[in-house]
Amino acid sequence: MTNENNELTIDEVKLQASLEQKDKNVGALVQLIIFKLGDEEYALNIDQIKEVVLTPGIAKIPQTPEYIMGVANIRGNIIAIVDLKKKFNMGDKDNEFCNYTLVVESEDFKIGILVKEVPNTLTVAEKDIDKSSTVLQYSNLDQECIMGIVTSNDRMIILVDMIKMMETEGMNKLINNK
């Protein structure tokens, strides 16, 4: 499924996700990109991801928040590269090198999110996403940024709206490249 550079196009990811669809009678289905930060699994809606690429060279930018690692040139676009482990205050366990970058795109900006492994896809029914505010009320993140907890077999996956998170951080004002 991947090309010779181990990069995934969004079409390849969507194809893989569509192959995972099961019974159409489960209600509305949501396609997610699953990635790990430390020991926890996180998910983004597939519509927020433009592509998955090998992590390019990153140029450090002074006087930016600690979680912004710098900028990188991805297919001719200069975009901010974000380390969510630092953003979520999860520490720098073993200083893991992040081999891949998820390119997240909104109408106002593009950012790259560092991940260690090639992310997986998962198609879930909307009913399998626990959106209960009691689950999320203890998070320091804006409640609009965490969309819920996905339960799939024995897994619990935190569903994040990366675009809302970056908008609340004022990322669209820091970096306005498209």
Protein backbone atom coordinates (compact mmCIF):
# COMPACT_ATOMS: atom_id res chain seq x y z
CA MET A 1 0.00 0.00 0.00
CA THR A 2 2.88 2.42 0.55
CA ASN A 3 5.12 3.70 -2.16
CA GLU A 4 8.87 3.16 -2.19
CA ASN A 5 9.49 6.04 0.26
CA ASN A 6 7.03 4.63 2.84
CA GLU A 7 4.84 7.69 2.40
CA LEU A 8 1.08 7.42 2.25
CA THR A 9 -1.12 9.58 0.12
CA ILE A 10 -4.47 10.53 1.59
CA ASP A 11 -6.15 8.49 -1.15
CA GLU A 12 -4.21 5.39 -0.05
CA VAL A 13 -5.19 6.00 3.57
CA LYS A 14 -8.85 6.49 2.65
CA LEU A 15 -8.77 3.30 0.58
CA GLN A 16 -7.34 1.36 3.51
CA ALA A 17 -10.00 2.83 5.81
CA SER A 18 -12.80 1.99 3.39
CA LEU A 19 -11.59 -1.62 3.25
CA GLU A 20 -12.06 -1.80 7.02
CA GLN A 21 -15.73 -0.84 6.85
CA LYS A 22 -17.90 -3.62 8.15
CA ASP A 23 -21.65 -3.79 8.35
CA LYS A 24 -23.44 -0.76 6.89
CA ASN A 25 -26.24 -1.12 9.47
CA VAL A 26 -24.18 0.28 12.36
CA GLY A 27 -25.15 3.89 11.61
CA ALA A 28 -22.89 6.73 10.57
CA LEU A 29 -19.27 5.67 10.21
CA VAL A 30 -16.26 7.84 10.98
CA GLN A 31 -12.82 7.22 9.47
CA LEU A 32 -9.94 7.94 11.85
CA ILE A 33 -6.17 8.07 11.68
CA ILE A 34 -4.73 6.41 14.81
CA PHE A 35 -1.27 7.22 16.16
CA LYS A 36 0.57 6.66 19.43
CA LEU A 37 2.07 9.21 21.77
CA GLY A 38 3.98 7.34 24.42
CA ASP A 39 1.72 4.49 25.50
CA GLU A 40 -1.55 6.20 24.59
CA GLU A 41 -3.42 6.09 21.30
CA TYR A 42 -4.85 9.23 19.74
CA ALA A 43 -7.04 9.73 16.70
CA LEU A 44 -7.75 12.47 14.20
CA ASN A 45 -10.61 12.53 11.74
CA ILE A 46 -9.25 11.48 8.35
CA ASP A 47 -10.68 14.66 6.82
CA GLN A 48 -8.13 16.73 8.77
CA ILE A 49 -5.14 14.84 7.35
CA LYS A 50 -3.72 15.84 3.99
CA GLU A 51 -0.88 13.29 3.89
CA VAL A 52 1.63 11.25 5.85
CA VAL A 53 5.29 11.81 4.97
CA LEU A 54 8.72 10.87 6.22
CA THR A 55 9.84 13.57 8.65
CA PRO A 56 11.97 16.10 6.76
CA GLY A 57 14.73 18.27 8.17
CA ILE A 58 13.34 20.76 10.69
CA ALA A 59 14.69 24.32 11.02
CA LYS A 60 14.34 25.64 14.57
CA ILE A 61 12.57 28.96 14.99
CA PRO A 62 13.51 31.06 18.05
CA GLN A 63 10.92 32.38 20.49
CA THR A 64 8.15 29.97 19.59
CA PRO A 65 6.27 27.76 22.08
CA GLU A 66 8.25 24.72 23.19
CA TYR A 67 5.96 22.29 21.38
CA ILE A 68 6.62 23.95 18.00
CA MET A 69 9.77 22.16 16.87
CA GLY A 70 10.35 24.54 13.95
CA VAL A 71 9.42 24.57 10.29
CA ALA A 72 9.96 22.11 7.47
CA ASN A 73 9.64 22.09 3.71
CA ILE A 74 7.04 19.52 2.70
CA ARG A 75 6.39 19.38 -1.03
CA GLY A 76 7.30 23.04 -1.46
CA ASN A 77 5.24 24.26 1.50
CA ILE A 78 6.91 25.62 4.62
CA ILE A 79 4.84 24.42 7.58
CA ALA A 80 5.14 24.44 11.36
CA ILE A 81 6.06 21.11 12.93
CA VAL A 82 4.35 20.32 16.25
CA ASP A 83 5.42 17.79 18.89
CA LEU A 84 2.18 16.76 20.61
CA LYS A 85 4.08 14.96 23.38
CA LYS A 86 5.43 18.35 24.44
CA LYS A 87 2.08 20.04 23.82
CA PHE A 88 0.34 17.51 26.06
CA ASN A 89 3.14 17.66 28.70
CA MET A 90 3.92 13.98 28.25
CA GLY A 91 7.68 14.42 28.64
CA ASP A 92 10.49 13.40 26.35
CA LYS A 93 10.57 9.71 27.20
CA ASP A 94 13.73 8.28 25.65
CA ASN A 95 13.91 11.23 23.22
CA GLU A 96 12.17 9.07 20.63
CA PHE A 97 12.85 10.06 17.05
CA CYS A 98 9.65 10.67 15.14
CA ASN A 99 9.99 9.11 11.72
CA TYR A 100 6.73 10.36 10.24
CA THR A 101 4.80 13.60 10.01
CA LEU A 102 1.03 13.90 9.68
CA VAL A 103 0.21 16.98 7.62
CA VAL A 104 -2.96 18.57 9.00
CA GLU A 105 -4.67 21.14 6.83
CA SER A 106 -7.44 23.64 7.47
CA GLU A 107 -8.63 26.56 5.37
CA ASP A 108 -6.27 28.87 7.27
CA PHE A 109 -3.10 26.86 7.87
CA LYS A 110 -1.12 23.64 7.52
CA ILE A 111 0.87 22.04 10.31
CA GLY A 112 2.87 18.86 10.69
CA ILE A 113 2.47 16.54 13.67
CA LEU A 114 5.37 14.29 14.60
CA VAL A 115 4.60 10.59 15.08
CA LYS A 116 6.96 7.68 15.68
CA GLU A 117 5.26 5.02 13.56
CA VAL A 118 3.15 4.94 10.41
CA PRO A 119 -0.35 5.70 11.65
CA ASN A 120 -3.16 3.19 11.19
CA THR A 121 -6.70 3.76 10.05
CA LEU A 122 -9.81 2.75 11.89
CA THR A 123 -13.44 3.04 10.87
CA VAL A 124 -15.84 3.28 13.81
CA ALA A 125 -19.52 3.90 14.26
CA GLU A 126 -20.33 7.31 15.72
CA LYS A 127 -22.10 5.49 18.56
CA ASP A 128 -18.71 4.04 19.60
CA ILE A 129 -17.39 7.53 20.40
CA ASP A 130 -18.08 8.50 24.01
CA LYS A 131 -18.67 12.25 23.90
CA SER A 132 -19.71 12.48 27.54
CA SER A 133 -18.44 15.69 29.09
CA THR A 134 -17.87 13.89 32.42
CA VAL A 135 -15.11 11.88 30.77
CA LEU A 136 -13.41 14.98 29.43
CA GLN A 137 -14.03 17.59 32.11
CA TYR A 138 -10.68 17.03 33.83
CA SER A 139 -8.61 17.82 30.77
CA ASN A 140 -6.68 21.09 30.58
CA LEU A 141 -7.42 21.24 26.86
CA ASP A 142 -10.46 23.12 25.68
CA GLN A 143 -13.38 20.67 25.71
CA GLU A 144 -13.98 21.47 22.03
CA CYS A 145 -10.52 20.06 21.19
CA ILE A 146 -11.14 16.59 22.60
CA MET A 147 -14.08 15.18 20.72
CA GLY A 148 -14.42 12.00 22.75
CA ILE A 149 -13.04 8.59 23.57
CA VAL A 150 -13.25 5.88 20.93
CA THR A 151 -13.75 2.36 22.20
CA SER A 152 -12.73 -0.46 19.90
CA ASN A 153 -12.39 -3.92 21.40
CA ASP A 154 -10.05 -3.43 24.39
CA ARG A 155 -8.66 -0.14 23.08
CA MET A 156 -9.48 3.36 24.28
CA ILE A 157 -8.42 6.05 21.82
CA ILE A 158 -8.58 9.79 22.47
CA LEU A 159 -10.22 11.60 19.55
CA VAL A 160 -8.72 15.07 19.04
CA ASP A 161 -9.85 17.90 16.77
CA MET A 162 -6.42 19.19 15.81
CA ILE A 163 -7.75 22.15 13.84
CA LYS A 164 -9.75 23.47 16.80
CA MET A 165 -6.76 22.90 19.06
CA MET A 166 -4.46 24.92 16.83
CA GLU A 167 -7.09 27.64 16.44
CA THR A 168 -7.42 27.98 20.22
CA GLU A 169 -3.63 28.23 20.40
CA GLY A 170 -3.66 31.02 17.84
CA MET A 171 -1.64 28.90 15.40
CA ASN A 172 -3.42 30.51 12.48
CA LYS A 173 -1.94 33.82 13.61
CA LEU A 174 1.55 32.40 14.21
CA ILE A 175 1.79 30.65 10.88
CA ASN A 176 -0.52 31.45 8.02
CA ASN A 177 0.92 29.33 5.20
CA LYS A 178 -1.21 27.31 2.89
